[in-house]
C-alpha atoms as a PDB file:
ATOM      1  CA  MET A   1      99.056  87.654  24.004  1.00  0.00           C
ATOM      2  CA  PRO A   2     101.238  85.082  25.486  1.00  0.00           C
ATOM      3  CA  THR A   3      99.756  82.322  27.521  1.00  0.00           C
ATOM      4  CA  ASP A   4     100.324  81.832  31.210  1.00  0.00           C
ATOM      5  CA  LEU A   5     102.644  78.773  30.535  1.00  0.00           C
ATOM      6  CA  GLN A   6     104.686  81.103  27.886  1.00  0.00           C
ATOM      7  CA  GLN A   7     105.058  84.002  30.335  1.00  0.00           C
ATOM      8  CA  VAL A   8     106.237  81.476  33.290  1.00  0.00           C
ATOM      9  CA  THR A   9     108.586  79.786  30.828  1.00  0.00           C
ATOM     10  CA  ALA A  10     110.078  83.217  29.816  1.00  0.00           C
ATOM     11  CA  ILE A  11     110.488  84.168  33.443  1.00  0.00           C
ATOM     12  CA  ARG A  12     112.285  80.894  34.071  1.00  0.00           C
ATOM     13  CA  ASP A  13     114.633  81.361  31.160  1.00  0.00           C
ATOM     14  CA  GLN A  14     115.358  84.879  32.113  1.00  0.00           C
ATOM     15  CA  THR A  15     116.129  83.840  35.710  1.00  0.00           C
ATOM     16  CA  LEU A  16     118.514  81.022  34.433  1.00  0.00           C
ATOM     17  CA  ALA A  17     120.334  83.570  32.380  1.00  0.00           C
ATOM     18  CA  LEU A  18     120.663  85.805  35.405  1.00  0.00           C
ATOM     19  CA  ILE A  19     122.007  82.985  37.473  1.00  0.00           C
ATOM     20  CA  ALA A  20     124.471  82.076  34.827  1.00  0.00           C
ATOM     21  CA  GLU A  21     125.783  85.534  34.673  1.00  0.00           C
ATOM     22  CA  LEU A  22     125.844  85.754  38.325  1.00  0.00           C
ATOM     23  CA  THR A  23     127.836  82.606  38.867  1.00  0.00           C
ATOM     24  CA  ALA A  24     130.168  83.170  35.923  1.00  0.00           C
ATOM     25  CA  ASN A  25     131.238  86.475  37.671  1.00  0.00           C
ATOM     26  CA  PRO A  26     130.686  86.096  41.395  1.00  0.00           C
ATOM     27  CA  LYS A  27     130.826  89.229  43.553  1.00  0.00           C
ATOM     28  CA  PRO A  28     131.452  89.661  47.280  1.00  0.00           C
ATOM     29  CA  THR A  29     128.757  90.886  49.631  1.00  0.00           C
ATOM     30  CA  TYR A  30     129.493  94.605  50.513  1.00  0.00           C
ATOM     31  CA  THR A  31     128.032  97.781  52.019  1.00  0.00           C
ATOM     32  CA  ILE A  32     128.108 101.278  50.731  1.00  0.00           C
ATOM     33  CA  ALA A  33     126.511 104.245  52.682  1.00  0.00           C
ATOM     34  CA  ASP A  34     124.413 101.899  54.749  1.00  0.00           C
ATOM     35  CA  GLN A  35     123.156  99.953  51.851  1.00  0.00           C
ATOM     36  CA  SER A  36     124.192  96.322  51.680  1.00  0.00           C
ATOM     37  CA  VAL A  37     124.337  94.073  48.637  1.00  0.00           C
ATOM     38  CA  ALA A  38     124.318  90.381  49.375  1.00  0.00           C
ATOM     39  CA  TRP A  39     124.946  88.537  46.276  1.00  0.00           C
ATOM     40  CA  GLY A  40     124.387  85.069  47.911  1.00  0.00           C
ATOM     41  CA  ASP A  41     121.001  86.169  49.112  1.00  0.00           C
ATOM     42  CA  TYR A  42     120.291  87.326  45.629  1.00  0.00           C
ATOM     43  CA  LEU A  43     121.365  83.998  44.102  1.00  0.00           C
ATOM     44  CA  LYS A  44     119.126  82.216  46.698  1.00  0.00           C
ATOM     45  CA  GLN A  45     116.244  84.186  45.444  1.00  0.00           C
ATOM     46  CA  LEU A  46     116.891  83.411  41.983  1.00  0.00           C
ATOM     47  CA  GLN A  47     116.943  79.764  42.734  1.00  0.00           C
ATOM     48  CA  GLU A  48     113.699  80.019  44.614  1.00  0.00           C
ATOM     49  CA  THR A  49     112.240  81.880  41.594  1.00  0.00           C
ATOM     50  CA  ILE A  50     113.234  78.768  39.412  1.00  0.00           C
ATOM     51  CA  GLY A  51     111.635  76.491  41.839  1.00  0.00           C
ATOM     52  CA  TRP A  52     108.390  78.561  41.616  1.00  0.00           C
ATOM     53  CA  CYS A  53     108.457  78.568  37.991  1.00  0.00           C
ATOM     54  CA  ASP A  54     109.057  74.837  37.788  1.00  0.00           C
ATOM     55  CA  GLN A  55     106.025  74.363  40.112  1.00  0.00           C
ATOM     56  CA  GLN A  56     103.930  76.564  37.756  1.00  0.00           C
ATOM     57  CA  ILE A  57     105.034  74.844  34.596  1.00  0.00           C
ATOM     58  CA  ALA A  58     103.987  71.373  36.124  1.00  0.00           C
ATOM     59  CA  ALA A  59     100.579  72.693  37.054  1.00  0.00           C
ATOM     60  CA  LEU A  60      99.831  74.323  33.646  1.00  0.00           C
ATOM     61  CA  ALA A  61     101.150  71.432  31.520  1.00  0.00           C
ATOM     62  CA  PRO A  62      98.526  69.156  29.940  1.00  0.00           C
ATOM     63  CA  PHE A  63      98.199  65.822  31.406  1.00  0.00           C
ATOM     64  CA  GLU A  64      96.257  62.555  30.979  1.00  0.00           C
ATOM     65  CA  VAL A  65      94.836  60.430  33.635  1.00  0.00           C
ATOM     66  CA  ARG A  66      94.352  56.774  32.834  1.00  0.00           C
ATOM     67  CA  SER A  67      92.232  54.650  34.919  1.00  0.00           C
ATOM     68  CA  GLN A  68      91.026  51.019  34.885  1.00  0.00           C
ATOM     69  CA  GLY A  69      87.848  49.661  36.482  1.00  0.00           C
ATOM     70  CA  PHE A  70      87.410  46.154  37.732  1.00  0.00           C
ATOM     71  CA  THR A  71      84.157  44.227  37.481  1.00  0.00           C
END
């Protein structure tokens, strides 16, 4: 079973691939039968997902705290 870090990294990778595909072949916003497709909004949501993933990865990454005491 993948760790949380592996899952978030996979989500980030998949989202980056979607952004690359979307920006390589941009499409206009359109409405068909009262259903609207706003590609700009979709791109914004994908970018927000990347930001969320980056926050999660930073929180899950191991870290080291160094301190120094004075006497």
